[in-house]
Amino acid sequence: MLLSGHVENGHIILDTPVVLPDGTQVTVAVQSNGSVPNGNSAPPDEPLPSLYDRLQSVAGKAKGLPTDLAINHDHYLHGQPKRQ
């Protein structure tokens, strides 16, 4: 059975009402209408780039950081006592 509908206020509204028994298993396939609610223009079938792909342009660019930043980041960010 193939049913059509739309999303309204976060709920799926079927174009033609149908009564299904409790416990009926359903699958929802989202069809792209060219825009995604979060403002991303990528179609939902395309995977998003990985975190590495998104951040590789800035990786390793910071200069003048303390040599113990990895172990003492809470000290430098939040004023906690140093761990050494």
N, C-alpha and C. Protein backbone atom coordinates (compact mmCIF):
# COMPACT_ATOMS: atom_id res chain seq x y z
N MET A 1 0.85 -1.17 0.00
CA MET A 1 0.00 0.00 0.00
C MET A 1 0.90 1.23 0.00
N LEU A 2 0.67 2.17 -0.87
CA LEU A 2 1.44 3.40 -0.96
C LEU A 2 0.52 4.56 -0.61
N LEU A 3 0.89 5.33 0.40
CA LEU A 3 0.09 6.47 0.85
C LEU A 3 0.88 7.74 0.66
N SER A 4 0.22 8.83 0.34
CA SER A 4 0.87 10.13 0.17
C SER A 4 0.40 11.07 1.26
N GLY A 5 1.23 12.05 1.57
CA GLY A 5 0.87 13.02 2.58
C GLY A 5 1.90 14.12 2.66
N HIS A 6 1.87 14.86 3.75
CA HIS A 6 2.80 15.96 3.96
C HIS A 6 3.04 16.11 5.47
N VAL A 7 4.04 16.92 5.81
CA VAL A 7 4.36 17.17 7.22
C VAL A 7 3.77 18.52 7.60
N GLU A 8 3.10 18.54 8.72
CA GLU A 8 2.49 19.77 9.23
C GLU A 8 2.76 19.85 10.72
N ASN A 9 3.50 20.89 11.13
CA ASN A 9 3.86 21.06 12.55
C ASN A 9 4.53 19.81 13.11
N GLY A 10 5.38 19.17 12.32
CA GLY A 10 6.13 18.01 12.78
C GLY A 10 5.37 16.70 12.75
N HIS A 11 4.15 16.69 12.23
CA HIS A 11 3.35 15.47 12.16
C HIS A 11 3.09 15.11 10.72
N ILE A 12 3.04 13.82 10.44
CA ILE A 12 2.74 13.35 9.09
C ILE A 12 1.23 13.32 8.91
N ILE A 13 0.76 14.05 7.91
CA ILE A 13 -0.67 14.11 7.61
C ILE A 13 -0.88 13.40 6.28
N LEU A 14 -1.70 12.35 6.29
CA LEU A 14 -1.99 11.61 5.06
C LEU A 14 -3.03 12.36 4.24
N ASP A 15 -2.83 12.37 2.91
CA ASP A 15 -3.79 13.03 2.03
C ASP A 15 -5.15 12.34 2.08
N THR A 16 -5.14 11.04 2.16
CA THR A 16 -6.38 10.26 2.27
C THR A 16 -6.35 9.53 3.59
N PRO A 17 -7.26 9.83 4.51
CA PRO A 17 -7.25 9.16 5.81
C PRO A 17 -7.42 7.64 5.65
N VAL A 18 -6.67 6.90 6.43
CA VAL A 18 -6.76 5.45 6.40
C VAL A 18 -6.66 4.95 7.84
N VAL A 19 -7.38 3.90 8.16
CA VAL A 19 -7.34 3.32 9.50
C VAL A 19 -6.45 2.09 9.45
N LEU A 20 -5.40 2.11 10.24
CA LEU A 20 -4.48 0.97 10.33
C LEU A 20 -4.53 0.44 11.75
N PRO A 21 -4.49 -0.87 11.91
CA PRO A 21 -4.53 -1.45 13.26
C PRO A 21 -3.27 -1.07 14.06
N ASP A 22 -3.43 -0.93 15.36
CA ASP A 22 -2.28 -0.66 16.23
C ASP A 22 -1.22 -1.73 16.01
N GLY A 23 0.04 -1.29 16.00
CA GLY A 23 1.15 -2.22 15.81
C GLY A 23 1.52 -2.44 14.36
N THR A 24 0.78 -1.84 13.42
CA THR A 24 1.11 -1.99 12.01
C THR A 24 2.47 -1.37 11.74
N GLN A 25 3.37 -2.10 11.13
CA GLN A 25 4.69 -1.60 10.77
C GLN A 25 4.58 -0.75 9.51
N VAL A 26 5.21 0.43 9.53
CA VAL A 26 5.19 1.31 8.36
C VAL A 26 6.60 1.79 8.06
N THR A 27 6.82 2.20 6.82
CA THR A 27 8.08 2.79 6.40
C THR A 27 7.76 4.14 5.79
N VAL A 28 8.51 5.16 6.16
CA VAL A 28 8.30 6.50 5.62
C VAL A 28 9.48 6.85 4.72
N ALA A 29 9.20 7.18 3.47
CA ALA A 29 10.23 7.61 2.53
C ALA A 29 10.02 9.09 2.27
N VAL A 30 11.05 9.90 2.52
CA VAL A 30 10.94 11.34 2.35
C VAL A 30 11.32 11.70 0.92
N GLN A 31 10.46 12.46 0.26
CA GLN A 31 10.73 12.93 -1.08
C GLN A 31 11.18 14.38 -0.99
N SER A 32 12.29 14.68 -1.65
CA SER A 32 12.82 16.04 -1.62
C SER A 32 12.03 16.94 -2.55
N ASN A 33 11.69 18.12 -2.04
CA ASN A 33 11.03 19.10 -2.88
C ASN A 33 11.99 20.24 -3.24
N GLY A 34 13.30 20.00 -3.08
CA GLY A 34 14.30 20.99 -3.44
C GLY A 34 14.82 21.79 -2.28
N SER A 35 14.17 21.71 -1.12
CA SER A 35 14.68 22.42 0.04
C SER A 35 14.55 21.51 1.26
N VAL A 36 15.44 21.72 2.19
CA VAL A 36 15.45 20.95 3.43
C VAL A 36 15.12 21.93 4.55
N PRO A 37 14.29 21.54 5.53
CA PRO A 37 13.85 22.48 6.57
C PRO A 37 14.98 23.19 7.31
N ASN A 38 16.15 22.55 7.49
CA ASN A 38 17.22 23.21 8.23
C ASN A 38 18.00 24.21 7.39
N GLY A 39 17.58 24.46 6.15
CA GLY A 39 18.24 25.44 5.31
C GLY A 39 19.34 24.87 4.46
N ASN A 40 19.68 23.60 4.66
CA ASN A 40 20.71 22.96 3.86
C ASN A 40 20.13 22.62 2.49
N SER A 41 20.82 22.99 1.43
CA SER A 41 20.29 22.76 0.10
C SER A 41 20.67 21.39 -0.46
N ALA A 42 21.45 20.60 0.30
CA ALA A 42 21.85 19.28 -0.18
C ALA A 42 20.66 18.33 -0.14
N PRO A 43 20.46 17.55 -1.18
CA PRO A 43 19.38 16.57 -1.15
C PRO A 43 19.63 15.56 -0.03
N PRO A 44 18.57 15.05 0.59
CA PRO A 44 18.77 14.14 1.73
C PRO A 44 19.44 12.83 1.37
N ASP A 45 19.44 12.43 0.09
CA ASP A 45 20.08 11.18 -0.30
C ASP A 45 21.60 11.29 -0.35
N GLU A 46 22.15 12.50 -0.41
CA GLU A 46 23.60 12.68 -0.43
C GLU A 46 24.12 12.73 1.00
N PRO A 47 25.17 11.94 1.30
CA PRO A 47 25.70 11.98 2.67
C PRO A 47 26.39 13.32 2.95
N LEU A 48 26.30 13.77 4.19
CA LEU A 48 26.98 14.99 4.58
C LEU A 48 28.47 14.73 4.65
N PRO A 49 29.30 15.74 4.41
CA PRO A 49 30.75 15.53 4.53
C PRO A 49 31.12 15.16 5.96
N SER A 50 32.18 14.39 6.11
CA SER A 50 32.62 13.98 7.44
C SER A 50 33.17 15.19 8.19
N LEU A 51 33.32 15.03 9.51
CA LEU A 51 33.89 16.10 10.33
C LEU A 51 35.29 16.45 9.84
N TYR A 52 36.07 15.44 9.49
CA TYR A 52 37.41 15.69 8.94
C TYR A 52 37.34 16.54 7.68
N ASP A 53 36.45 16.17 6.76
CA ASP A 53 36.33 16.94 5.51
C ASP A 53 35.94 18.38 5.78
N ARG A 54 35.07 18.61 6.77
CA ARG A 54 34.62 19.97 7.07
C ARG A 54 35.68 20.79 7.78
N LEU A 55 36.58 20.16 8.55
CA LEU A 55 37.56 20.91 9.33
C LEU A 55 38.98 20.86 8.80
N GLN A 56 39.23 20.09 7.74
CA GLN A 56 40.61 19.94 7.28
C GLN A 56 41.24 21.25 6.83
N SER A 57 40.45 22.21 6.41
CA SER A 57 41.02 23.48 5.96
C SER A 57 41.59 24.31 7.10
N VAL A 58 41.18 24.04 8.35
CA VAL A 58 41.69 24.79 9.49
C VAL A 58 42.60 23.95 10.38
N ALA A 59 42.69 22.66 10.14
CA ALA A 59 43.51 21.78 10.98
C ALA A 59 44.98 22.18 10.88
N GLY A 60 45.63 22.33 12.03
CA GLY A 60 47.05 22.64 12.08
C GLY A 60 47.39 24.10 11.79
N LYS A 61 46.43 24.98 11.73
CA LYS A 61 46.68 26.38 11.38
C LYS A 61 46.99 27.26 12.59
N ALA A 62 46.60 26.83 13.79
CA ALA A 62 46.81 27.66 14.98
C ALA A 62 48.30 27.78 15.29
N LYS A 63 48.74 28.97 15.63
CA LYS A 63 50.15 29.24 15.95
C LYS A 63 50.25 29.76 17.38
N GLY A 64 51.38 29.52 18.04
CA GLY A 64 51.66 30.08 19.35
C GLY A 64 50.88 29.47 20.50
N LEU A 65 50.42 28.25 20.36
CA LEU A 65 49.68 27.61 21.44
C LEU A 65 50.64 27.02 22.46
N PRO A 66 50.23 26.92 23.74
CA PRO A 66 51.09 26.30 24.75
C PRO A 66 51.36 24.84 24.41
N THR A 67 52.54 24.36 24.73
CA THR A 67 52.90 22.97 24.42
C THR A 67 52.10 21.97 25.25
N ASP A 68 51.57 22.40 26.41
CA ASP A 68 50.79 21.50 27.25
C ASP A 68 49.28 21.72 27.10
N LEU A 69 48.84 22.27 25.98
CA LEU A 69 47.43 22.58 25.78
C LEU A 69 46.55 21.34 25.84
N ALA A 70 47.02 20.23 25.30
CA ALA A 70 46.19 19.02 25.27
C ALA A 70 45.82 18.56 26.67
N ILE A 71 46.78 18.55 27.57
CA ILE A 71 46.52 18.06 28.93
C ILE A 71 45.92 19.14 29.83
N ASN A 72 46.20 20.41 29.55
CA ASN A 72 45.73 21.50 30.41
C ASN A 72 44.70 22.42 29.75
N HIS A 73 43.92 21.89 28.82
CA HIS A 73 42.95 22.74 28.13
C HIS A 73 41.93 23.34 29.10
N ASP A 74 41.57 22.61 30.17
CA ASP A 74 40.63 23.17 31.16
C ASP A 74 41.25 24.36 31.89
N HIS A 75 42.56 24.33 32.08
CA HIS A 75 43.25 25.46 32.72
C HIS A 75 43.17 26.69 31.81
N TYR A 76 43.48 26.51 30.54
CA TYR A 76 43.52 27.64 29.62
C TYR A 76 42.13 28.14 29.24
N LEU A 77 41.15 27.27 29.21
CA LEU A 77 39.80 27.68 28.83
C LEU A 77 38.95 28.14 30.01
N HIS A 78 39.09 27.46 31.16
CA HIS A 78 38.17 27.70 32.27
C HIS A 78 38.85 28.09 33.58
N GLY A 79 40.18 28.22 33.58
CA GLY A 79 40.89 28.64 34.78
C GLY A 79 41.08 27.56 35.82
N GLN A 80 40.88 26.30 35.48
CA GLN A 80 41.10 25.20 36.43
C GLN A 80 42.61 25.09 36.72
N PRO A 81 42.97 24.47 37.84
CA PRO A 81 44.39 24.27 38.13
C PRO A 81 45.05 23.39 37.05
N LYS A 82 46.34 23.65 36.80
CA LYS A 82 47.07 22.84 35.83
C LYS A 82 47.20 21.42 36.34
N ARG A 83 47.30 20.46 35.40
CA ARG A 83 47.39 19.04 35.75
C ARG A 83 48.82 18.57 35.98
N GLN A 84 49.81 19.36 35.64
CA GLN A 84 51.20 18.89 35.78
C GLN A 84 51.69 19.04 37.18
